[in-house]
C-alpha cells in the first residue's frame, strides 16, 4: 500500500531532484535549508497537495511548519485528510 509519505517523497524526487533517487533525503531534512525547494516549488507543492489529496489550502497553511520536510508534509496532509473524512 502506498502511504502519504511515499507519495510525497516520490513527488519531491521526481519534481525537485529530477528523479535522483540516490540523493540522501531524510524524512526530517529541511527542504528549504537544503535548497531543494524555493518559492516556486512551494506553489508546485500546494498544487500537488490540492490535486492529489483533494485538500484546499489557504494562505495560512503555506508555512514551513507544514511544508518544510517530508515528515511535516505527510503529517499535515494526513491531519487534513482525516479532518475531511470526519
PDB file of N, CA and C in Angstrom:
ATOM      1  N   UNK A   1       0.841  -1.185   0.000  1.00  0.00           N
ATOM      2  CA  UNK A   1       0.000   0.000   0.000  1.00  0.00           C
ATOM      3  C   UNK A   1       0.892   1.257   0.000  1.00  0.00           C
ATOM      4  N   UNK A   2       0.573   2.185  -0.858  1.00  0.00           N
ATOM      5  CA  UNK A   2       1.337   3.423  -0.947  1.00  0.00           C
ATOM      6  C   UNK A   2       0.858   4.392   0.127  1.00  0.00           C
ATOM      7  N   UNK A   3       1.789   4.877   0.925  1.00  0.00           N
ATOM      8  CA  UNK A   3       1.439   5.796   2.006  1.00  0.00           C
ATOM      9  C   UNK A   3       1.528   7.246   1.528  1.00  0.00           C
ATOM     10  N   UNK A   4       1.006   8.152   2.346  1.00  0.00           N
ATOM     11  CA  UNK A   4       1.123   9.580   2.058  1.00  0.00           C
ATOM     12  C   UNK A   4       2.597   9.942   1.931  1.00  0.00           C
ATOM     13  N   UNK A   5       3.408   9.444   2.854  1.00  0.00           N
ATOM     14  CA  UNK A   5       4.840   9.747   2.845  1.00  0.00           C
ATOM     15  C   UNK A   5       5.488   9.268   1.543  1.00  0.00           C
ATOM     16  N   UNK A   6       5.096   8.093   1.060  1.00  0.00           N
ATOM     17  CA  UNK A   6       5.634   7.570  -0.197  1.00  0.00           C
ATOM     18  C   UNK A   6       5.280   8.493  -1.366  1.00  0.00           C
ATOM     19  N   UNK A   7       4.025   8.939  -1.410  1.00  0.00           N
ATOM     20  CA  UNK A   7       3.582   9.828  -2.487  1.00  0.00           C
ATOM     21  C   UNK A   7       4.331  11.151  -2.446  1.00  0.00           C
ATOM     22  N   UNK A   8       4.503  11.695  -1.241  1.00  0.00           N
ATOM     23  CA  UNK A   8       5.202  12.962  -1.084  1.00  0.00           C
ATOM     24  C   UNK A   8       6.661  12.819  -1.512  1.00  0.00           C
ATOM     25  N   UNK A   9       7.320  11.775  -1.041  1.00  0.00           N
ATOM     26  CA  UNK A   9       8.722  11.542  -1.396  1.00  0.00           C
ATOM     27  C   UNK A   9       8.871  11.394  -2.920  1.00  0.00           C
ATOM     28  N   UNK A  10       8.006  10.609  -3.538  1.00  0.00           N
ATOM     29  CA  UNK A  10       8.067  10.410  -4.984  1.00  0.00           C
ATOM     30  C   UNK A  10       7.895  11.740  -5.718  1.00  0.00           C
ATOM     31  N   UNK A  11       6.940  12.559  -5.285  1.00  0.00           N
ATOM     32  CA  UNK A  11       6.724  13.862  -5.913  1.00  0.00           C
ATOM     33  C   UNK A  11       7.974  14.733  -5.797  1.00  0.00           C
ATOM     34  N   UNK A  12       8.562  14.783  -4.614  1.00  0.00           N
ATOM     35  CA  UNK A  12       9.743  15.624  -4.394  1.00  0.00           C
ATOM     36  C   UNK A  12      10.923  15.128  -5.229  1.00  0.00           C
ATOM     37  N   UNK A  13      11.165  13.833  -5.221  1.00  0.00           N
ATOM     38  CA  UNK A  13      12.277  13.276  -6.001  1.00  0.00           C
ATOM     39  C   UNK A  13      12.063  13.525  -7.496  1.00  0.00           C
ATOM     40  N   UNK A  14      10.860  13.270  -7.982  1.00  0.00           N
ATOM     41  CA  UNK A  14      10.589  13.425  -9.410  1.00  0.00           C
ATOM     42  C   UNK A  14      10.634  14.880  -9.865  1.00  0.00           C
ATOM     43  N   UNK A  15      10.126  15.789  -9.049  1.00  0.00           N
ATOM     44  CA  UNK A  15       9.978  17.170  -9.482  1.00  0.00           C
ATOM     45  C   UNK A  15      11.104  18.108  -9.072  1.00  0.00           C
ATOM     46  N   UNK A  16      11.745  17.853  -7.951  1.00  0.00           N
ATOM     47  CA  UNK A  16      12.756  18.788  -7.457  1.00  0.00           C
ATOM     48  C   UNK A  16      14.172  18.201  -7.455  1.00  0.00           C
ATOM     49  N   UNK A  17      14.267  16.885  -7.479  1.00  0.00           N
ATOM     50  CA  UNK A  17      15.582  16.237  -7.542  1.00  0.00           C
ATOM     51  C   UNK A  17      15.779  15.551  -8.893  1.00  0.00           C
ATOM     52  N   UNK A  18      14.871  15.820  -9.816  1.00  0.00           N
ATOM     53  CA  UNK A  18      14.949  15.324 -11.191  1.00  0.00           C
ATOM     54  C   UNK A  18      15.141  13.819 -11.263  1.00  0.00           C
ATOM     55  N   UNK A  19      14.434  13.110 -10.376  1.00  0.00           N
ATOM     56  CA  UNK A  19      14.449  11.653 -10.387  1.00  0.00           C
ATOM     57  C   UNK A  19      15.658  11.009  -9.745  1.00  0.00           C
ATOM     58  N   UNK A  20      16.516  11.799  -9.116  1.00  0.00           N
ATOM     59  CA  UNK A  20      17.736  11.265  -8.495  1.00  0.00           C
ATOM     60  C   UNK A  20      17.400  10.585  -7.161  1.00  0.00           C
ATOM     61  N   UNK A  21      17.119   9.294  -7.222  1.00  0.00           N
ATOM     62  CA  UNK A  21      16.749   8.538  -6.023  1.00  0.00           C
ATOM     63  C   UNK A  21      17.944   8.277  -5.108  1.00  0.00           C
ATOM     64  N   UNK A  22      19.143   8.563  -5.585  1.00  0.00           N
ATOM     65  CA  UNK A  22      20.336   8.349  -4.762  1.00  0.00           C
ATOM     66  C   UNK A  22      20.583   9.518  -3.801  1.00  0.00           C
ATOM     67  N   UNK A  23      19.877  10.624  -3.985  1.00  0.00           N
ATOM     68  CA  UNK A  23      20.058  11.788  -3.105  1.00  0.00           C
ATOM     69  C   UNK A  23      19.645  11.399  -1.686  1.00  0.00           C
ATOM     70  N   UNK A  24      20.498  11.630  -0.692  1.00  0.00           N
ATOM     71  CA  UNK A  24      20.189  11.222   0.687  1.00  0.00           C
ATOM     72  C   UNK A  24      19.205  12.179   1.363  1.00  0.00           C
ATOM     73  N   UNK A  25      17.940  11.973   1.137  1.00  0.00           N
ATOM     74  CA  UNK A  25      16.897  12.858   1.660  1.00  0.00           C
ATOM     75  C   UNK A  25      16.187  12.205   2.842  1.00  0.00           C
ATOM     76  N   UNK A  26      16.552  12.643   4.040  1.00  0.00           N
ATOM     77  CA  UNK A  26      15.908  12.121   5.252  1.00  0.00           C
ATOM     78  C   UNK A  26      14.502  12.703   5.369  1.00  0.00           C
ATOM     79  N   UNK A  27      13.609  11.957   6.010  1.00  0.00           N
ATOM     80  CA  UNK A  27      12.226  12.414   6.173  1.00  0.00           C
ATOM     81  C   UNK A  27      12.133  13.739   6.916  1.00  0.00           C
ATOM     82  N   UNK A  28      13.081  14.005   7.803  1.00  0.00           N
ATOM     83  CA  UNK A  28      13.032  15.222   8.618  1.00  0.00           C
ATOM     84  C   UNK A  28      13.927  16.341   8.087  1.00  0.00           C
ATOM     85  N   UNK A  29      14.617  16.107   6.980  1.00  0.00           N
ATOM     86  CA  UNK A  29      15.521  17.115   6.415  1.00  0.00           C
ATOM     87  C   UNK A  29      14.733  18.308   5.889  1.00  0.00           C
ATOM     88  N   UNK A  30      15.213  19.507   6.179  1.00  0.00           N
ATOM     89  CA  UNK A  30      14.569  20.730   5.705  1.00  0.00           C
ATOM     90  C   UNK A  30      14.726  20.851   4.193  1.00  0.00           C
ATOM     91  N   UNK A  31      13.603  20.955   3.515  1.00  0.00           N
ATOM     92  CA  UNK A  31      13.630  21.108   2.067  1.00  0.00           C
ATOM     93  C   UNK A  31      14.109  22.500   1.671  1.00  0.00           C
ATOM     94  N   UNK A  32      13.852  23.480   2.534  1.00  0.00           N
ATOM     95  CA  UNK A  32      14.264  24.858   2.266  1.00  0.00           C
ATOM     96  C   UNK A  32      15.754  25.026   2.537  1.00  0.00           C
ATOM     97  N   UNK A  33      16.204  24.615   3.717  1.00  0.00           N
ATOM     98  CA  UNK A  33      17.614  24.783   4.091  1.00  0.00           C
ATOM     99  C   UNK A  33      18.551  23.979   3.201  1.00  0.00           C
ATOM    100  N   UNK A  34      18.076  22.872   2.659  1.00  0.00           N
ATOM    101  CA  UNK A  34      18.893  22.044   1.772  1.00  0.00           C
ATOM    102  C   UNK A  34      18.743  22.452   0.305  1.00  0.00           C
ATOM    103  N   UNK A  35      18.112  23.597   0.070  1.00  0.00           N
ATOM    104  CA  UNK A  35      17.938  24.149  -1.287  1.00  0.00           C
ATOM    105  C   UNK A  35      17.248  23.189  -2.244  1.00  0.00           C
ATOM    106  N   UNK A  36      16.306  22.431  -1.732  1.00  0.00           N
ATOM    107  CA  UNK A  36      15.541  21.517  -2.577  1.00  0.00           C
ATOM    108  C   UNK A  36      14.316  22.236  -3.129  1.00  0.00           C
ATOM    109  N   UNK A  37      13.714  23.101  -2.313  1.00  0.00           N
ATOM    110  CA  UNK A  37      12.570  23.882  -2.789  1.00  0.00           C
ATOM    111  C   UNK A  37      12.826  25.371  -2.593  1.00  0.00           C
ATOM    112  N   UNK A  38      12.192  26.147  -3.472  1.00  0.00           N
ATOM    113  CA  UNK A  38      12.200  27.595  -3.372  1.00  0.00           C
ATOM    114  C   UNK A  38      10.748  28.063  -3.448  1.00  0.00           C
ATOM    115  N   UNK A  39      10.526  29.341  -3.611  1.00  0.00           N
ATOM    116  CA  UNK A  39       9.155  29.855  -3.591  1.00  0.00           C
ATOM    117  C   UNK A  39       8.305  29.286  -4.726  1.00  0.00           C
ATOM    118  N   UNK A  40       8.891  29.072  -5.878  1.00  0.00           N
ATOM    119  CA  UNK A  40       8.149  28.478  -6.990  1.00  0.00           C
ATOM    120  C   UNK A  40       7.802  27.024  -6.682  1.00  0.00           C
ATOM    121  N   UNK A  41       8.730  26.318  -6.087  1.00  0.00           N
ATOM    122  CA  UNK A  41       8.490  24.918  -5.731  1.00  0.00           C
ATOM    123  C   UNK A  41       7.387  24.797  -4.688  1.00  0.00           C
ATOM    124  N   UNK A  42       7.279  25.778  -3.798  1.00  0.00           N
ATOM    125  CA  UNK A  42       6.206  25.770  -2.799  1.00  0.00           C
ATOM    126  C   UNK A  42       4.856  25.798  -3.512  1.00  0.00           C
ATOM    127  N   UNK A  43       4.747  26.601  -4.565  1.00  0.00           N
ATOM    128  CA  UNK A  43       3.496  26.654  -5.329  1.00  0.00           C
ATOM    129  C   UNK A  43       3.203  25.306  -5.979  1.00  0.00           C
ATOM    130  N   UNK A  44       4.240  24.639  -6.453  1.00  0.00           N
ATOM    131  CA  UNK A  44       4.067  23.306  -7.028  1.00  0.00           C
ATOM    132  C   UNK A  44       3.617  22.305  -5.963  1.00  0.00           C
ATOM    133  N   UNK A  45       4.174  22.406  -4.758  1.00  0.00           N
ATOM    134  CA  UNK A  45       3.763  21.531  -3.655  1.00  0.00           C
ATOM    135  C   UNK A  45       2.294  21.744  -3.311  1.00  0.00           C
ATOM    136  N   UNK A  46       1.886  23.003  -3.254  1.00  0.00           N
ATOM    137  CA  UNK A  46       0.489  23.326  -2.947  1.00  0.00           C
ATOM    138  C   UNK A  46      -0.429  22.709  -3.999  1.00  0.00           C
ATOM    139  N   UNK A  47      -0.087  22.867  -5.273  1.00  0.00           N
ATOM    140  CA  UNK A  47      -0.903  22.289  -6.344  1.00  0.00           C
ATOM    141  C   UNK A  47      -0.954  20.765  -6.228  1.00  0.00           C
ATOM    142  N   UNK A  48       0.174  20.141  -5.909  1.00  0.00           N
ATOM    143  CA  UNK A  48       0.231  18.692  -5.714  1.00  0.00           C
ATOM    144  C   UNK A  48      -0.705  18.260  -4.588  1.00  0.00           C
ATOM    145  N   UNK A  49      -0.653  18.943  -3.462  1.00  0.00           N
ATOM    146  CA  UNK A  49      -1.497  18.602  -2.309  1.00  0.00           C
ATOM    147  C   UNK A  49      -2.966  18.758  -2.664  1.00  0.00           C
ATOM    148  N   UNK A  50      -3.289  19.855  -3.330  1.00  0.00           N
ATOM    149  CA  UNK A  50      -4.687  20.091  -3.685  1.00  0.00           C
ATOM    150  C   UNK A  50      -5.186  19.079  -4.707  1.00  0.00           C
ATOM    151  N   UNK A  51      -4.380  18.798  -5.719  1.00  0.00           N
ATOM    152  CA  UNK A  51      -4.802  17.885  -6.787  1.00  0.00           C
ATOM    153  C   UNK A  51      -4.814  16.422  -6.360  1.00  0.00           C
ATOM    154  N   UNK A  52      -3.756  15.982  -5.697  1.00  0.00           N
ATOM    155  CA  UNK A  52      -3.632  14.565  -5.368  1.00  0.00           C
ATOM    156  C   UNK A  52      -4.404  14.138  -4.122  1.00  0.00           C
ATOM    157  N   UNK A  53      -4.587  15.068  -3.197  1.00  0.00           N
ATOM    158  CA  UNK A  53      -5.241  14.704  -1.939  1.00  0.00           C
ATOM    159  C   UNK A  53      -6.582  15.400  -1.725  1.00  0.00           C
ATOM    160  N   UNK A  54      -6.966  16.301  -2.635  1.00  0.00           N
ATOM    161  CA  UNK A  54      -8.249  16.989  -2.533  1.00  0.00           C
ATOM    162  C   UNK A  54      -8.340  17.922  -1.346  1.00  0.00           C
ATOM    163  N   UNK A  55      -7.206  18.479  -0.958  1.00  0.00           N
ATOM    164  CA  UNK A  55      -7.160  19.369   0.203  1.00  0.00           C
ATOM    165  C   UNK A  55      -7.025  20.803  -0.297  1.00  0.00           C
ATOM    166  N   UNK A  56      -8.015  21.623   0.022  1.00  0.00           N
ATOM    167  CA  UNK A  56      -7.950  23.039  -0.344  1.00  0.00           C
ATOM    168  C   UNK A  56      -7.066  23.753   0.674  1.00  0.00           C
ATOM    169  N   UNK A  57      -6.017  24.380   0.175  1.00  0.00           N
ATOM    170  CA  UNK A  57      -5.082  25.064   1.066  1.00  0.00           C
ATOM    171  C   UNK A  57      -5.346  26.568   1.042  1.00  0.00           C
ATOM    172  N   UNK A  58      -5.238  27.167   2.203  1.00  0.00           N
ATOM    173  CA  UNK A  58      -5.364  28.618   2.333  1.00  0.00           C
ATOM    174  C   UNK A  58      -3.983  29.176   2.662  1.00  0.00           C
ATOM    175  N   UNK A  59      -3.836  30.480   2.573  1.00  0.00           N
ATOM    176  CA  UNK A  59      -2.530  31.108   2.793  1.00  0.00           C
ATOM    177  C   UNK A  59      -1.896  30.712   4.124  1.00  0.00           C
ATOM    178  N   UNK A  60      -2.703  30.592   5.161  1.00  0.00           N
ATOM    179  CA  UNK A  60      -2.150  30.263   6.484  1.00  0.00           C
ATOM    180  C   UNK A  60      -1.607  28.831   6.562  1.00  0.00           C
ATOM    181  N   UNK A  61      -1.957  27.991   5.594  1.00  0.00           N
ATOM    182  CA  UNK A  61      -1.420  26.623   5.534  1.00  0.00           C
ATOM    183  C   UNK A  61      -0.028  26.579   4.908  1.00  0.00           C
ATOM    184  N   UNK A  62       0.295  27.599   4.127  1.00  0.00           N
ATOM    185  CA  UNK A  62       1.538  27.612   3.354  1.00  0.00           C
ATOM    186  C   UNK A  62       2.662  28.217   4.194  1.00  0.00           C
ATOM    187  N   UNK A  63       3.119  27.415   5.152  1.00  0.00           N
ATOM    188  CA  UNK A  63       4.179  27.824   6.074  1.00  0.00           C
ATOM    189  C   UNK A  63       5.170  26.669   6.236  1.00  0.00           C
ATOM    190  N   UNK A  64       6.412  26.976   6.600  1.00  0.00           N
ATOM    191  CA  UNK A  64       7.398  25.913   6.775  1.00  0.00           C
ATOM    192  C   UNK A  64       6.965  24.827   7.760  1.00  0.00           C
ATOM    193  N   UNK A  65       6.186  25.183   8.761  1.00  0.00           N
ATOM    194  CA  UNK A  65       5.737  24.182   9.731  1.00  0.00           C
ATOM    195  C   UNK A  65       4.952  23.058   9.054  1.00  0.00           C
ATOM    196  N   UNK A  66       4.355  23.339   7.901  1.00  0.00           N
ATOM    197  CA  UNK A  66       3.583  22.333   7.169  1.00  0.00           C
ATOM    198  C   UNK A  66       4.322  21.758   5.963  1.00  0.00           C
ATOM    199  N   UNK A  67       5.261  22.509   5.403  1.00  0.00           N
ATOM    200  CA  UNK A  67       5.798  22.143   4.091  1.00  0.00           C
ATOM    201  C   UNK A  67       7.310  21.947   4.023  1.00  0.00           C
ATOM    202  N   UNK A  68       8.024  22.013   5.139  1.00  0.00           N
ATOM    203  CA  UNK A  68       9.481  22.055   5.060  1.00  0.00           C
ATOM    204  C   UNK A  68      10.205  20.712   5.134  1.00  0.00           C
ATOM    205  N   UNK A  69       9.498  19.623   5.206  1.00  0.00           N
ATOM    206  CA  UNK A  69      10.144  18.304   5.174  1.00  0.00           C
ATOM    207  C   UNK A  69       9.111  17.272   4.744  1.00  0.00           C
ATOM    208  N   UNK A  70       9.589  16.123   4.377  1.00  0.00           N
ATOM    209  CA  UNK A  70       8.673  15.041   4.005  1.00  0.00           C
ATOM    210  C   UNK A  70       7.794  14.692   5.201  1.00  0.00           C
ATOM    211  N   UNK A  71       8.385  14.656   6.383  1.00  0.00           N
ATOM    212  CA  UNK A  71       7.634  14.339   7.605  1.00  0.00           C
ATOM    213  C   UNK A  71       6.538  15.376   7.863  1.00  0.00           C
ATOM    214  N   UNK A  72       6.885  16.655   7.771  1.00  0.00           N
ATOM    215  CA  UNK A  72       5.898  17.725   8.016  1.00  0.00           C
ATOM    216  C   UNK A  72       4.791  17.711   6.968  1.00  0.00           C
ATOM    217  N   UNK A  73       5.168  17.524   5.721  1.00  0.00           N
ATOM    218  CA  UNK A  73       4.162  17.446   4.658  1.00  0.00           C
ATOM    219  C   UNK A  73       3.208  16.277   4.890  1.00  0.00           C
ATOM    220  N   UNK A  74       3.763  15.125   5.205  1.00  0.00           N
ATOM    221  CA  UNK A  74       2.945  13.925   5.420  1.00  0.00           C
ATOM    222  C   UNK A  74       2.013  14.094   6.606  1.00  0.00           C
ATOM    223  N   UNK A  75       2.511  14.679   7.686  1.00  0.00           N
ATOM    224  CA  UNK A  75       1.682  14.908   8.877  1.00  0.00           C
ATOM    225  C   UNK A  75       0.554  15.885   8.573  1.00  0.00           C
ATOM    226  N   UNK A  76       0.895  16.970   7.876  1.00  0.00           N
ATOM    227  CA  UNK A  76      -0.116  17.970   7.520  1.00  0.00           C
ATOM    228  C   UNK A  76      -1.203  17.356   6.641  1.00  0.00           C
ATOM    229  N   UNK A  77      -0.787  16.648   5.598  1.00  0.00           N
ATOM    230  CA  UNK A  77      -1.751  16.030   4.683  1.00  0.00           C
ATOM    231  C   UNK A  77      -2.608  15.005   5.416  1.00  0.00           C
ATOM    232  N   UNK A  78      -1.976  14.171   6.236  1.00  0.00           N
ATOM    233  CA  UNK A  78      -2.710  13.158   6.996  1.00  0.00           C
ATOM    234  C   UNK A  78      -3.755  13.770   7.926  1.00  0.00           C
ATOM    235  N   UNK A  79      -3.376  14.843   8.614  1.00  0.00           N
ATOM    236  CA  UNK A  79      -4.301  15.501   9.543  1.00  0.00           C
ATOM    237  C   UNK A  79      -5.459  16.142   8.792  1.00  0.00           C
ATOM    238  N   UNK A  80      -5.157  16.789   7.684  1.00  0.00           N
ATOM    239  CA  UNK A  80      -6.222  17.440   6.899  1.00  0.00           C
ATOM    240  C   UNK A  80      -7.141  16.410   6.247  1.00  0.00           C
ATOM    241  N   UNK A  81      -6.564  15.316   5.760  1.00  0.00           N
ATOM    242  CA  UNK A  81      -7.380  14.262   5.151  1.00  0.00           C
ATOM    243  C   UNK A  81      -8.301  13.627   6.177  1.00  0.00           C
ATOM    244  N   UNK A  82      -7.776  13.440   7.386  1.00  0.00           N
ATOM    245  CA  UNK A  82      -8.576  12.874   8.478  1.00  0.00           C
ATOM    246  C   UNK A  82      -9.740  13.810   8.834  1.00  0.00           C
ATOM    247  N   UNK A  83      -9.450  15.110   8.871  1.00  0.00           N
ATOM    248  CA  UNK A  83     -10.477  16.115   9.185  1.00  0.00           C
ATOM    249  C   UNK A  83     -11.557  16.128   8.094  1.00  0.00           C
ATOM    250  N   UNK A  84     -11.148  15.982   6.838  1.00  0.00           N
ATOM    251  CA  UNK A  84     -12.104  15.968   5.744  1.00  0.00           C
ATOM    252  C   UNK A  84     -13.003  14.731   5.788  1.00  0.00           C
ATOM    253  N   UNK A  85     -12.426  13.623   6.231  1.00  0.00           N
ATOM    254  CA  UNK A  85     -13.177  12.368   6.283  1.00  0.00           C
ATOM    255  C   UNK A  85     -14.177  12.329   7.436  1.00  0.00           C
ATOM    256  N   UNK A  86     -13.949  13.165   8.439  1.00  0.00           N
ATOM    257  CA  UNK A  86     -14.823  13.157   9.625  1.00  0.00           C
ATOM    258  C   UNK A  86     -16.139  13.833   9.381  1.00  0.00           C
TER     259      UNK A  86
END
